[in-house]
Amino acid sequence: MRAQFLSTVLRAASRPSFAVRPARTAPLFVRHASGHAQESFESFSERYVNFFQNAEDLFEVQRGLNNCFAHDLVPSPEVVEAAVRAARRVNDYATAIRIFEGVKEKVENKQQYELYLQELKPLREELGLTLKEELYPSS
């Protein structure tokens, strides 16, 4: 019996072990949210002004507006002006009006929207844009 036990132990010792081994520390890979540098507001504005100045059709204008308004900031008046001019250049009055509605949704309060309207009033007059607020003033 002792010989049988001894042979079993020796056979078990010679087999590969499937026992739990201490875990090896794998290299730790840190994945950053973005490999891009943070873009400043000025470079953002310049990029979109250039984009809208070079937009050739309605699809490009609307794509640029979707991308521009998707960011967590309100576009500068220069960007809004370039976008409105692009919308009128491709002969889309409705998109030009909706740009102002988008700005109204993005600003934090009504006073900021009024400042945008004041600054862009010469542009609206030049292009003949009548906003919803002007067509249907609230009582």
Protein backbone atom coordinates (compact mmCIF):
# COMPACT_ATOMS: atom_id res chain seq x y z
CA MET A 1 0.00 0.00 0.00
CA ARG A 2 2.86 2.26 0.84
CA ALA A 3 4.43 1.53 -2.52
CA GLN A 4 1.18 2.33 -4.29
CA PHE A 5 0.89 5.64 -2.42
CA LEU A 6 4.48 6.50 -3.19
CA SER A 7 4.04 5.78 -6.92
CA THR A 8 0.88 7.93 -7.01
CA VAL A 9 2.67 10.83 -5.39
CA LEU A 10 5.63 10.52 -7.72
CA ARG A 11 3.35 10.35 -10.79
CA ALA A 12 1.46 13.43 -9.64
CA ALA A 13 4.71 15.30 -9.09
CA SER A 14 5.91 14.50 -12.60
CA ARG A 15 2.67 15.71 -14.30
CA PRO A 16 2.16 19.34 -15.23
CA SER A 17 0.32 21.15 -12.53
CA PHE A 18 -2.95 22.94 -13.21
CA ALA A 19 -2.94 24.50 -9.81
CA VAL A 20 -3.50 28.21 -9.48
CA ARG A 21 -0.27 30.06 -9.92
CA PRO A 22 0.33 33.52 -8.65
CA ALA A 23 -0.92 36.01 -11.18
CA ARG A 24 1.68 37.78 -13.20
CA THR A 25 1.32 41.48 -13.32
CA ALA A 26 0.40 42.39 -16.85
CA PRO A 27 1.52 45.72 -18.21
CA LEU A 28 -1.04 48.35 -17.43
CA PHE A 29 -2.35 50.19 -20.46
CA VAL A 30 -3.98 53.52 -19.80
CA ARG A 31 -6.31 54.68 -22.50
CA HIS A 32 -6.80 58.39 -22.62
CA ALA A 33 -10.11 59.85 -23.72
CA SER A 34 -8.55 61.64 -26.65
CA GLY A 35 -5.20 61.86 -28.28
CA HIS A 36 -5.94 65.38 -29.45
CA ALA A 37 -4.93 68.58 -27.75
CA GLN A 38 -7.65 70.75 -26.30
CA GLU A 39 -8.84 73.26 -28.88
CA SER A 40 -9.12 76.90 -27.83
CA PHE A 41 -12.29 78.88 -28.46
CA GLU A 42 -10.44 81.14 -30.90
CA SER A 43 -9.17 78.24 -33.00
CA PHE A 44 -12.64 76.65 -32.88
CA SER A 45 -14.17 79.88 -34.16
CA GLU A 46 -11.55 80.30 -36.86
CA ARG A 47 -11.98 76.70 -38.01
CA TYR A 48 -15.74 77.02 -38.40
CA VAL A 49 -15.62 80.47 -40.01
CA ASN A 50 -13.26 78.99 -42.63
CA PHE A 51 -15.48 75.95 -43.01
CA PHE A 52 -18.63 77.99 -43.64
CA GLN A 53 -16.85 80.36 -46.00
CA ASN A 54 -15.83 77.38 -48.14
CA ALA A 55 -19.11 75.42 -47.94
CA GLU A 56 -20.42 74.83 -51.44
CA ASP A 57 -23.80 73.18 -50.92
CA LEU A 58 -26.61 72.82 -48.41
CA PHE A 59 -25.39 69.42 -47.22
CA GLU A 60 -22.02 70.87 -46.21
CA VAL A 61 -23.65 73.83 -44.45
CA GLN A 62 -26.00 71.58 -42.47
CA ARG A 63 -23.21 69.12 -41.64
CA GLY A 64 -21.07 71.99 -40.38
CA LEU A 65 -23.95 73.32 -38.29
CA ASN A 66 -24.56 69.89 -36.74
CA ASN A 67 -20.89 69.58 -35.85
CA CYS A 68 -20.59 73.15 -34.61
CA PHE A 69 -23.68 73.03 -32.40
CA ALA A 70 -22.76 69.58 -31.03
CA HIS A 71 -19.93 71.12 -29.00
CA ASP A 72 -20.55 72.23 -25.45
CA LEU A 73 -20.24 75.93 -26.20
CA VAL A 74 -22.10 78.70 -27.95
CA PRO A 75 -20.56 79.63 -31.31
CA SER A 76 -19.13 83.11 -31.55
CA PRO A 77 -21.02 85.80 -33.51
CA GLU A 78 -18.40 85.50 -36.26
CA VAL A 79 -19.22 81.80 -36.68
CA VAL A 80 -22.95 82.53 -36.67
CA GLU A 81 -22.45 85.25 -39.29
CA ALA A 82 -20.40 82.94 -41.52
CA ALA A 83 -23.01 80.19 -41.14
CA VAL A 84 -25.91 82.51 -41.99
CA ARG A 85 -24.05 83.86 -45.03
CA ALA A 86 -23.33 80.28 -46.15
CA ALA A 87 -26.99 79.33 -45.77
CA ARG A 88 -28.06 82.32 -47.86
CA ARG A 89 -25.31 81.65 -50.41
CA VAL A 90 -26.75 78.16 -51.02
CA ASN A 91 -30.20 79.80 -51.13
CA ASP A 92 -31.70 78.22 -48.00
CA TYR A 93 -33.67 80.81 -46.05
CA ALA A 94 -35.04 78.28 -43.56
CA THR A 95 -31.59 77.13 -42.45
CA ALA A 96 -30.52 80.75 -41.99
CA ILE A 97 -33.47 81.30 -39.62
CA ARG A 98 -32.86 78.00 -37.81
CA ILE A 99 -29.30 79.05 -37.04
CA PHE A 100 -30.73 81.79 -34.83
CA GLU A 101 -33.09 79.28 -33.21
CA GLY A 102 -30.09 77.05 -32.50
CA VAL A 103 -28.26 79.96 -30.88
CA LYS A 104 -31.35 80.67 -28.76
CA GLU A 105 -31.25 77.07 -27.48
CA LYS A 106 -27.52 77.12 -26.78
CA VAL A 107 -27.27 80.36 -24.78
CA GLU A 108 -27.71 80.29 -21.02
CA ASN A 109 -30.24 83.08 -20.73
CA LYS A 110 -32.38 85.47 -22.74
CA GLN A 111 -29.99 88.42 -22.28
CA GLN A 112 -27.22 86.55 -24.10
CA TYR A 113 -29.57 85.83 -26.99
CA GLU A 114 -30.55 89.49 -27.14
CA LEU A 115 -26.85 90.43 -27.35
CA TYR A 116 -26.41 88.05 -30.29
CA LEU A 117 -29.45 89.58 -32.00
CA GLN A 118 -28.14 93.11 -31.46
CA GLU A 119 -24.70 92.28 -32.79
CA LEU A 120 -26.08 90.45 -35.82
CA LYS A 121 -28.89 92.92 -36.59
CA PRO A 122 -27.00 94.55 -39.53
CA LEU A 123 -26.48 91.10 -41.04
CA ARG A 124 -30.16 90.20 -40.65
CA GLU A 125 -31.18 93.47 -42.29
CA GLU A 126 -28.67 93.00 -45.12
CA LEU A 127 -29.89 89.47 -45.88
CA GLY A 128 -33.58 90.20 -45.23
CA LEU A 129 -34.00 87.70 -42.39
CA THR A 130 -37.11 87.98 -40.26
CA LEU A 131 -36.95 85.93 -37.09
CA LYS A 132 -39.81 84.08 -35.45
CA GLU A 133 -39.77 86.57 -32.56
CA GLU A 134 -40.34 89.41 -35.02
CA LEU A 135 -43.13 87.62 -36.87
CA TYR A 136 -44.96 86.46 -33.76
CA PRO A 137 -44.15 88.77 -30.85
CA SER A 138 -45.41 87.44 -27.54
CA SER A 139 -47.96 89.66 -25.84
